[in-house]
Amino acid sequence: MYDFVNEAPITLVLIQSQLLGLNSQVSVLEYGWAVQVIFHDTGTVGTENHPIHLHGFSFYLLGTGLGNFNSTTAILNLYDPPYRNTVGVPIGGWPVIRFKADNPGLWFMHCLLDMHTTLGLSMAFLVKNGKKAKCLPPPDLHS
């Protein structure tokens, strides 16, 4: 289990901009990384929240709020955060999620409102393989 209080997660923006030099809709993650994503709805025209769903993982919802996210004033629940696979991004607000990248593969994250996904409110995480386990077949397995 990941210790959210004593271990600092790797923030997705840092991964993309400084480590990988990426500016795309696919983020490459090493197996086992702790990943934090801060969603921020800056829209002023729309009147609906964005239900964001992540395939392949469940995540901890550490906090949510209105206005601009500020890491020095945001109140995050690091003790017993709810465990989800979908989060609502409020109009003009933000949620913060964390998950451990321990499921190798390409995993889609998108708004559950079909029109928003079509317009590009989506991305993917490519989680690299972890260390290979040495697992032999059972001795009674006939080929």
N, C-alpha and C. Protein backbone atom coordinates (compact mmCIF):
# COMPACT_ATOMS: atom_id res chain seq x y z
N MET A 1 0.84 -1.18 0.00
CA MET A 1 0.00 0.00 0.00
C MET A 1 0.88 1.24 0.00
N TYR A 2 0.48 2.25 -0.73
CA TYR A 2 1.26 3.48 -0.85
C TYR A 2 1.02 4.40 0.34
N ASP A 3 2.06 4.95 0.88
CA ASP A 3 1.98 5.87 2.01
C ASP A 3 1.88 7.29 1.46
N PHE A 4 0.66 7.84 1.42
CA PHE A 4 0.44 9.15 0.82
C PHE A 4 1.00 10.29 1.67
N VAL A 5 1.24 10.05 2.93
CA VAL A 5 1.70 11.12 3.81
C VAL A 5 3.21 11.30 3.72
N ASN A 6 3.95 10.21 3.73
CA ASN A 6 5.41 10.29 3.83
C ASN A 6 6.16 10.14 2.51
N GLU A 7 5.48 9.80 1.44
CA GLU A 7 6.14 9.66 0.14
C GLU A 7 5.59 10.68 -0.83
N ALA A 8 6.47 11.39 -1.49
CA ALA A 8 6.04 12.41 -2.46
C ALA A 8 5.75 11.75 -3.80
N PRO A 9 4.58 11.99 -4.37
CA PRO A 9 4.25 11.42 -5.68
C PRO A 9 4.94 12.19 -6.80
N ILE A 10 5.00 11.58 -7.94
CA ILE A 10 5.49 12.26 -9.13
C ILE A 10 4.30 12.92 -9.79
N THR A 11 4.37 14.22 -9.97
CA THR A 11 3.27 14.95 -10.57
C THR A 11 3.34 14.81 -12.08
N LEU A 12 2.22 14.56 -12.73
CA LEU A 12 2.15 14.31 -14.16
C LEU A 12 2.75 15.45 -14.97
N VAL A 13 2.50 16.68 -14.60
CA VAL A 13 3.04 17.82 -15.36
C VAL A 13 4.56 17.78 -15.34
N LEU A 14 5.14 17.45 -14.20
CA LEU A 14 6.58 17.35 -14.09
C LEU A 14 7.10 16.24 -14.99
N ILE A 15 6.42 15.11 -15.00
CA ILE A 15 6.84 14.00 -15.85
C ILE A 15 6.87 14.43 -17.30
N GLN A 16 5.80 15.05 -17.75
CA GLN A 16 5.69 15.41 -19.16
C GLN A 16 6.70 16.48 -19.56
N SER A 17 6.76 17.57 -18.82
CA SER A 17 7.54 18.70 -19.27
C SER A 17 9.03 18.57 -19.01
N GLN A 18 9.43 18.11 -17.84
CA GLN A 18 10.84 18.11 -17.49
C GLN A 18 11.54 16.78 -17.79
N LEU A 19 10.90 15.67 -17.48
CA LEU A 19 11.58 14.39 -17.65
C LEU A 19 11.48 13.84 -19.07
N LEU A 20 10.31 13.92 -19.66
CA LEU A 20 10.10 13.30 -20.96
C LEU A 20 10.10 14.28 -22.12
N GLY A 21 9.89 15.56 -21.84
CA GLY A 21 9.82 16.54 -22.92
C GLY A 21 8.60 16.34 -23.80
N LEU A 22 7.54 15.74 -23.25
CA LEU A 22 6.34 15.46 -24.05
C LEU A 22 5.29 16.54 -23.88
N ASN A 23 4.56 16.76 -24.91
CA ASN A 23 3.40 17.62 -24.87
C ASN A 23 2.33 16.97 -25.74
N SER A 24 1.91 15.79 -25.34
CA SER A 24 0.95 15.03 -26.13
C SER A 24 -0.13 14.48 -25.23
N GLN A 25 -1.00 13.69 -25.82
CA GLN A 25 -2.09 13.11 -25.05
C GLN A 25 -1.78 11.70 -24.58
N VAL A 26 -0.53 11.27 -24.66
CA VAL A 26 -0.11 9.99 -24.10
C VAL A 26 1.04 10.27 -23.15
N SER A 27 0.89 9.85 -21.91
CA SER A 27 1.96 10.01 -20.92
C SER A 27 2.54 8.65 -20.59
N VAL A 28 3.84 8.52 -20.74
CA VAL A 28 4.53 7.27 -20.47
C VAL A 28 4.92 7.24 -19.00
N LEU A 29 4.54 6.16 -18.31
CA LEU A 29 4.81 6.02 -16.88
C LEU A 29 5.64 4.77 -16.63
N GLU A 30 6.61 4.88 -15.77
CA GLU A 30 7.36 3.70 -15.35
C GLU A 30 6.47 2.88 -14.41
N TYR A 31 6.64 1.58 -14.46
CA TYR A 31 5.90 0.68 -13.57
C TYR A 31 6.22 1.04 -12.12
N GLY A 32 5.18 1.17 -11.31
CA GLY A 32 5.35 1.43 -9.89
C GLY A 32 5.39 2.89 -9.49
N TRP A 33 5.39 3.80 -10.46
CA TRP A 33 5.38 5.22 -10.10
C TRP A 33 4.09 5.58 -9.39
N ALA A 34 4.18 6.48 -8.44
CA ALA A 34 3.00 7.10 -7.84
C ALA A 34 2.73 8.36 -8.66
N VAL A 35 1.52 8.47 -9.18
CA VAL A 35 1.18 9.55 -10.10
C VAL A 35 0.09 10.42 -9.49
N GLN A 36 0.29 11.71 -9.55
CA GLN A 36 -0.72 12.67 -9.09
C GLN A 36 -1.19 13.48 -10.29
N VAL A 37 -2.50 13.60 -10.43
CA VAL A 37 -3.08 14.39 -11.51
C VAL A 37 -3.98 15.45 -10.89
N ILE A 38 -3.79 16.68 -11.30
CA ILE A 38 -4.63 17.78 -10.87
C ILE A 38 -5.42 18.24 -12.09
N PHE A 39 -6.72 18.03 -12.06
CA PHE A 39 -7.60 18.50 -13.14
C PHE A 39 -8.01 19.92 -12.79
N HIS A 40 -8.12 20.77 -13.82
CA HIS A 40 -8.51 22.15 -13.57
C HIS A 40 -9.45 22.60 -14.66
N ASP A 41 -10.69 22.86 -14.31
CA ASP A 41 -11.68 23.33 -15.28
C ASP A 41 -11.62 24.85 -15.32
N THR A 42 -11.15 25.38 -16.43
CA THR A 42 -11.05 26.83 -16.57
C THR A 42 -12.18 27.39 -17.42
N GLY A 43 -13.12 26.54 -17.83
CA GLY A 43 -14.22 26.98 -18.66
C GLY A 43 -15.15 27.94 -17.94
N THR A 44 -15.60 28.93 -18.67
CA THR A 44 -16.53 29.90 -18.10
C THR A 44 -17.86 29.90 -18.85
N VAL A 45 -17.93 29.13 -19.94
CA VAL A 45 -19.14 29.13 -20.76
C VAL A 45 -20.05 27.96 -20.41
N GLY A 46 -19.48 26.77 -20.24
CA GLY A 46 -20.27 25.57 -19.99
C GLY A 46 -20.91 25.57 -18.62
N THR A 47 -21.94 24.75 -18.49
CA THR A 47 -22.66 24.67 -17.21
C THR A 47 -22.67 23.27 -16.63
N GLU A 48 -21.80 22.37 -17.15
CA GLU A 48 -21.80 21.01 -16.62
C GLU A 48 -20.43 20.64 -16.07
N ASN A 49 -20.44 19.77 -15.07
CA ASN A 49 -19.21 19.20 -14.57
C ASN A 49 -18.68 18.20 -15.59
N HIS A 50 -17.42 17.83 -15.46
CA HIS A 50 -16.83 16.83 -16.33
C HIS A 50 -16.57 15.56 -15.53
N PRO A 51 -17.34 14.49 -15.76
CA PRO A 51 -17.04 13.22 -15.10
C PRO A 51 -15.88 12.53 -15.82
N ILE A 52 -14.72 12.50 -15.19
CA ILE A 52 -13.53 11.92 -15.81
C ILE A 52 -13.34 10.49 -15.29
N HIS A 53 -13.20 9.56 -16.24
CA HIS A 53 -13.06 8.14 -15.91
C HIS A 53 -11.70 7.64 -16.35
N LEU A 54 -11.04 6.86 -15.51
CA LEU A 54 -9.75 6.27 -15.82
C LEU A 54 -9.89 4.75 -15.91
N HIS A 55 -9.57 4.21 -17.07
CA HIS A 55 -9.60 2.75 -17.27
C HIS A 55 -8.33 2.14 -16.69
N GLY A 56 -8.43 0.92 -16.21
CA GLY A 56 -7.27 0.17 -15.76
C GLY A 56 -6.82 0.42 -14.33
N PHE A 57 -7.36 1.43 -13.70
CA PHE A 57 -6.95 1.79 -12.35
C PHE A 57 -8.13 2.32 -11.56
N SER A 58 -8.03 2.23 -10.27
CA SER A 58 -8.81 3.05 -9.37
C SER A 58 -7.82 4.01 -8.74
N PHE A 59 -8.30 5.11 -8.21
CA PHE A 59 -7.40 6.13 -7.70
C PHE A 59 -7.96 6.69 -6.41
N TYR A 60 -7.11 7.40 -5.69
CA TYR A 60 -7.52 8.09 -4.47
C TYR A 60 -7.89 9.52 -4.83
N LEU A 61 -9.06 9.96 -4.39
CA LEU A 61 -9.49 11.35 -4.57
C LEU A 61 -9.03 12.11 -3.33
N LEU A 62 -7.98 12.88 -3.49
CA LEU A 62 -7.37 13.56 -2.34
C LEU A 62 -8.07 14.86 -1.97
N GLY A 63 -8.71 15.49 -2.93
CA GLY A 63 -9.38 16.75 -2.62
C GLY A 63 -10.03 17.34 -3.85
N THR A 64 -10.89 18.31 -3.60
CA THR A 64 -11.56 19.03 -4.67
C THR A 64 -11.87 20.43 -4.17
N GLY A 65 -11.99 21.35 -5.08
CA GLY A 65 -12.28 22.72 -4.68
C GLY A 65 -12.68 23.58 -5.86
N LEU A 66 -13.01 24.82 -5.57
CA LEU A 66 -13.40 25.78 -6.61
C LEU A 66 -12.31 26.82 -6.77
N GLY A 67 -12.28 27.45 -7.94
CA GLY A 67 -11.26 28.46 -8.22
C GLY A 67 -9.98 27.81 -8.69
N ASN A 68 -8.90 28.55 -8.64
CA ASN A 68 -7.60 28.05 -9.06
C ASN A 68 -6.99 27.16 -7.99
N PHE A 69 -6.40 26.04 -8.42
CA PHE A 69 -5.72 25.16 -7.48
C PHE A 69 -4.47 25.86 -6.97
N ASN A 70 -4.26 25.81 -5.67
CA ASN A 70 -3.07 26.39 -5.05
C ASN A 70 -2.53 25.34 -4.08
N SER A 71 -1.34 24.83 -4.36
CA SER A 71 -0.80 23.73 -3.56
C SER A 71 -0.49 24.14 -2.13
N THR A 72 -0.35 25.43 -1.87
CA THR A 72 -0.05 25.85 -0.49
C THR A 72 -1.31 26.03 0.35
N THR A 73 -2.46 26.24 -0.30
CA THR A 73 -3.69 26.45 0.47
C THR A 73 -4.71 25.32 0.31
N ALA A 74 -4.51 24.45 -0.67
CA ALA A 74 -5.46 23.35 -0.90
C ALA A 74 -5.44 22.39 0.29
N ILE A 75 -6.62 21.97 0.70
CA ILE A 75 -6.75 21.00 1.79
C ILE A 75 -6.95 19.62 1.15
N LEU A 76 -5.95 18.75 1.34
CA LEU A 76 -6.00 17.42 0.76
C LEU A 76 -6.13 16.38 1.87
N ASN A 77 -6.92 15.36 1.60
CA ASN A 77 -7.13 14.26 2.54
C ASN A 77 -6.07 13.20 2.27
N LEU A 78 -5.02 13.19 3.06
CA LEU A 78 -3.95 12.22 2.91
C LEU A 78 -4.08 11.05 3.87
N TYR A 79 -5.10 11.08 4.71
CA TYR A 79 -5.27 10.06 5.73
C TYR A 79 -6.14 8.90 5.26
N ASP A 80 -7.35 9.21 4.79
CA ASP A 80 -8.28 8.17 4.34
C ASP A 80 -9.09 8.64 3.13
N PRO A 81 -8.42 8.92 2.01
CA PRO A 81 -9.14 9.43 0.84
C PRO A 81 -10.04 8.37 0.22
N PRO A 82 -11.16 8.80 -0.40
CA PRO A 82 -12.02 7.83 -1.09
C PRO A 82 -11.31 7.22 -2.29
N TYR A 83 -11.66 5.98 -2.59
CA TYR A 83 -11.06 5.20 -3.68
C TYR A 83 -12.07 5.11 -4.81
N ARG A 84 -11.74 5.62 -5.99
CA ARG A 84 -12.71 5.73 -7.10
C ARG A 84 -12.07 5.35 -8.43
N ASN A 85 -12.91 5.30 -9.49
CA ASN A 85 -12.38 5.21 -10.85
C ASN A 85 -12.96 6.30 -11.73
N THR A 86 -13.80 7.16 -11.15
CA THR A 86 -14.37 8.31 -11.85
C THR A 86 -14.42 9.47 -10.88
N VAL A 87 -14.11 10.66 -11.39
CA VAL A 87 -14.13 11.86 -10.56
C VAL A 87 -14.85 12.97 -11.33
N GLY A 88 -15.62 13.77 -10.61
CA GLY A 88 -16.27 14.92 -11.21
C GLY A 88 -15.39 16.15 -11.10
N VAL A 89 -15.11 16.78 -12.23
CA VAL A 89 -14.36 18.03 -12.22
C VAL A 89 -15.38 19.16 -12.20
N PRO A 90 -15.46 19.90 -11.10
CA PRO A 90 -16.51 20.92 -10.99
C PRO A 90 -16.25 22.12 -11.92
N ILE A 91 -17.31 22.79 -12.26
CA ILE A 91 -17.21 23.98 -13.11
C ILE A 91 -16.34 25.00 -12.40
N GLY A 92 -15.27 25.45 -13.05
CA GLY A 92 -14.37 26.42 -12.46
C GLY A 92 -13.62 25.91 -11.25
N GLY A 93 -13.43 24.60 -11.17
CA GLY A 93 -12.79 24.03 -9.99
C GLY A 93 -11.79 22.96 -10.33
N TRP A 94 -11.42 22.19 -9.31
CA TRP A 94 -10.37 21.19 -9.47
C TRP A 94 -10.56 20.02 -8.52
N PRO A 95 -10.19 18.82 -8.95
CA PRO A 95 -9.95 17.69 -8.06
C PRO A 95 -8.49 17.24 -8.21
N VAL A 96 -7.98 16.58 -7.18
CA VAL A 96 -6.63 16.01 -7.21
C VAL A 96 -6.76 14.51 -6.97
N ILE A 97 -6.15 13.72 -7.86
CA ILE A 97 -6.17 12.26 -7.70
C ILE A 97 -4.74 11.73 -7.66
N ARG A 98 -4.58 10.56 -7.03
CA ARG A 98 -3.30 9.84 -7.04
C ARG A 98 -3.57 8.36 -7.25
N PHE A 99 -2.68 7.75 -8.01
CA PHE A 99 -2.75 6.30 -8.19
C PHE A 99 -1.35 5.76 -8.39
N LYS A 100 -1.21 4.45 -8.20
CA LYS A 100 0.06 3.78 -8.42
C LYS A 100 0.01 3.09 -9.77
N ALA A 101 0.99 3.39 -10.61
CA ALA A 101 1.04 2.82 -11.97
C ALA A 101 1.57 1.40 -11.90
N ASP A 102 0.70 0.48 -11.51
CA ASP A 102 1.12 -0.92 -11.33
C ASP A 102 0.33 -1.89 -12.21
N ASN A 103 -0.25 -1.37 -13.29
CA ASN A 103 -0.99 -2.21 -14.22
C ASN A 103 -0.47 -1.89 -15.63
N PRO A 104 0.50 -2.66 -16.14
CA PRO A 104 1.10 -2.36 -17.43
C PRO A 104 0.08 -2.35 -18.56
N GLY A 105 0.28 -1.44 -19.49
CA GLY A 105 -0.59 -1.36 -20.66
C GLY A 105 -0.91 0.08 -21.02
N LEU A 106 -1.77 0.23 -21.98
CA LEU A 106 -2.22 1.54 -22.45
C LEU A 106 -3.63 1.76 -21.91
N TRP A 107 -3.81 2.79 -21.08
CA TRP A 107 -5.06 3.01 -20.37
C TRP A 107 -5.64 4.36 -20.70
N PHE A 108 -6.89 4.36 -21.14
CA PHE A 108 -7.61 5.54 -21.60
C PHE A 108 -8.22 6.28 -20.42
N MET A 109 -8.08 7.60 -20.42
CA MET A 109 -8.76 8.46 -19.44
C MET A 109 -9.54 9.49 -20.24
N HIS A 110 -10.83 9.66 -19.90
CA HIS A 110 -11.68 10.51 -20.73
C HIS A 110 -12.87 11.03 -19.95
N CYS A 111 -13.47 12.07 -20.51
CA CYS A 111 -14.73 12.59 -19.98
C CYS A 111 -15.83 11.63 -20.39
N LEU A 112 -16.74 11.31 -19.49
CA LEU A 112 -17.83 10.39 -19.80
C LEU A 112 -18.92 11.03 -20.67
N LEU A 113 -18.85 12.33 -20.88
CA LEU A 113 -19.77 12.97 -21.81
C LEU A 113 -19.20 12.77 -23.22
N ASP A 114 -19.90 11.96 -24.02
CA ASP A 114 -19.36 11.54 -25.32
C ASP A 114 -18.90 12.69 -26.19
N MET A 115 -19.64 13.78 -26.23
CA MET A 115 -19.25 14.90 -27.08
C MET A 115 -17.91 15.49 -26.62
N HIS A 116 -17.67 15.51 -25.33
CA HIS A 116 -16.41 16.07 -24.83
C HIS A 116 -15.23 15.17 -25.18
N THR A 117 -15.44 13.85 -25.12
CA THR A 117 -14.38 12.93 -25.53
C THR A 117 -14.08 13.11 -27.01
N THR A 118 -15.12 13.25 -27.81
CA THR A 118 -14.95 13.46 -29.25
C THR A 118 -14.18 14.74 -29.53
N LEU A 119 -14.39 15.76 -28.71
CA LEU A 119 -13.71 17.04 -28.91
C LEU A 119 -12.29 17.05 -28.33
N GLY A 120 -11.88 15.96 -27.71
CA GLY A 120 -10.49 15.86 -27.26
C GLY A 120 -10.27 15.86 -25.77
N LEU A 121 -11.32 15.79 -24.97
CA LEU A 121 -11.14 15.75 -23.52
C LEU A 121 -10.83 14.32 -23.11
N SER A 122 -9.64 13.88 -23.50
CA SER A 122 -9.20 12.51 -23.25
C SER A 122 -7.68 12.44 -23.37
N MET A 123 -7.14 11.39 -22.83
CA MET A 123 -5.71 11.12 -22.95
C MET A 123 -5.50 9.65 -22.59
N ALA A 124 -4.24 9.21 -22.65
CA ALA A 124 -3.92 7.84 -22.28
C ALA A 124 -2.63 7.81 -21.47
N PHE A 125 -2.56 6.82 -20.59
CA PHE A 125 -1.34 6.53 -19.85
C PHE A 125 -0.77 5.24 -20.41
N LEU A 126 0.50 5.25 -20.77
CA LEU A 126 1.19 4.04 -21.17
C LEU A 126 2.09 3.63 -20.01
N VAL A 127 1.70 2.57 -19.32
CA VAL A 127 2.46 2.09 -18.17
C VAL A 127 3.39 0.98 -18.65
N LYS A 128 4.68 1.18 -18.43
CA LYS A 128 5.67 0.20 -18.85
C LYS A 128 5.57 -1.06 -18.00
N ASN A 129 6.13 -2.15 -18.52
CA ASN A 129 6.16 -3.41 -17.79
C ASN A 129 7.05 -3.30 -16.57
N GLY A 130 6.68 -4.03 -15.53
CA GLY A 130 7.51 -4.11 -14.34
C GLY A 130 8.51 -5.25 -14.47
N LYS A 131 9.13 -5.61 -13.37
CA LYS A 131 10.06 -6.72 -13.38
C LYS A 131 9.30 -8.02 -13.63
N LYS A 132 9.90 -8.89 -14.41
CA LYS A 132 9.27 -10.17 -14.74
C LYS A 132 9.34 -11.11 -13.54
N ALA A 133 8.22 -11.71 -13.21
CA ALA A 133 8.19 -12.70 -12.13
C ALA A 133 8.62 -14.04 -12.70
N LYS A 134 9.39 -14.77 -11.93
CA LYS A 134 9.80 -16.11 -12.36
C LYS A 134 8.74 -17.09 -11.87
N CYS A 135 7.85 -17.43 -12.76
CA CYS A 135 6.75 -18.31 -12.40
C CYS A 135 6.76 -19.50 -13.36
N LEU A 136 7.03 -20.65 -12.83
CA LEU A 136 7.07 -21.86 -13.65
C LEU A 136 5.68 -22.47 -13.72
N PRO A 137 5.38 -23.18 -14.83
CA PRO A 137 4.08 -23.85 -14.91
C PRO A 137 3.99 -24.99 -13.90
N PRO A 138 2.79 -25.36 -13.51
CA PRO A 138 2.65 -26.48 -12.57
C PRO A 138 3.28 -27.75 -13.15
N PRO A 139 3.87 -28.61 -12.32
CA PRO A 139 4.55 -29.79 -12.81
C PRO A 139 3.62 -30.78 -13.50
N ASP A 140 2.33 -30.75 -13.20
CA ASP A 140 1.41 -31.70 -13.81
C ASP A 140 0.77 -31.17 -15.09
N LEU A 141 1.25 -30.04 -15.58
CA LEU A 141 0.68 -29.46 -16.81
C LEU A 141 1.26 -30.19 -18.00
N HIS A 142 0.39 -30.79 -18.82
CA HIS A 142 0.83 -31.52 -20.01
C HIS A 142 0.69 -30.61 -21.22
N SER A 143 1.69 -30.66 -22.07
CA SER A 143 1.62 -29.83 -23.27
C SER A 143 1.17 -30.60 -24.47
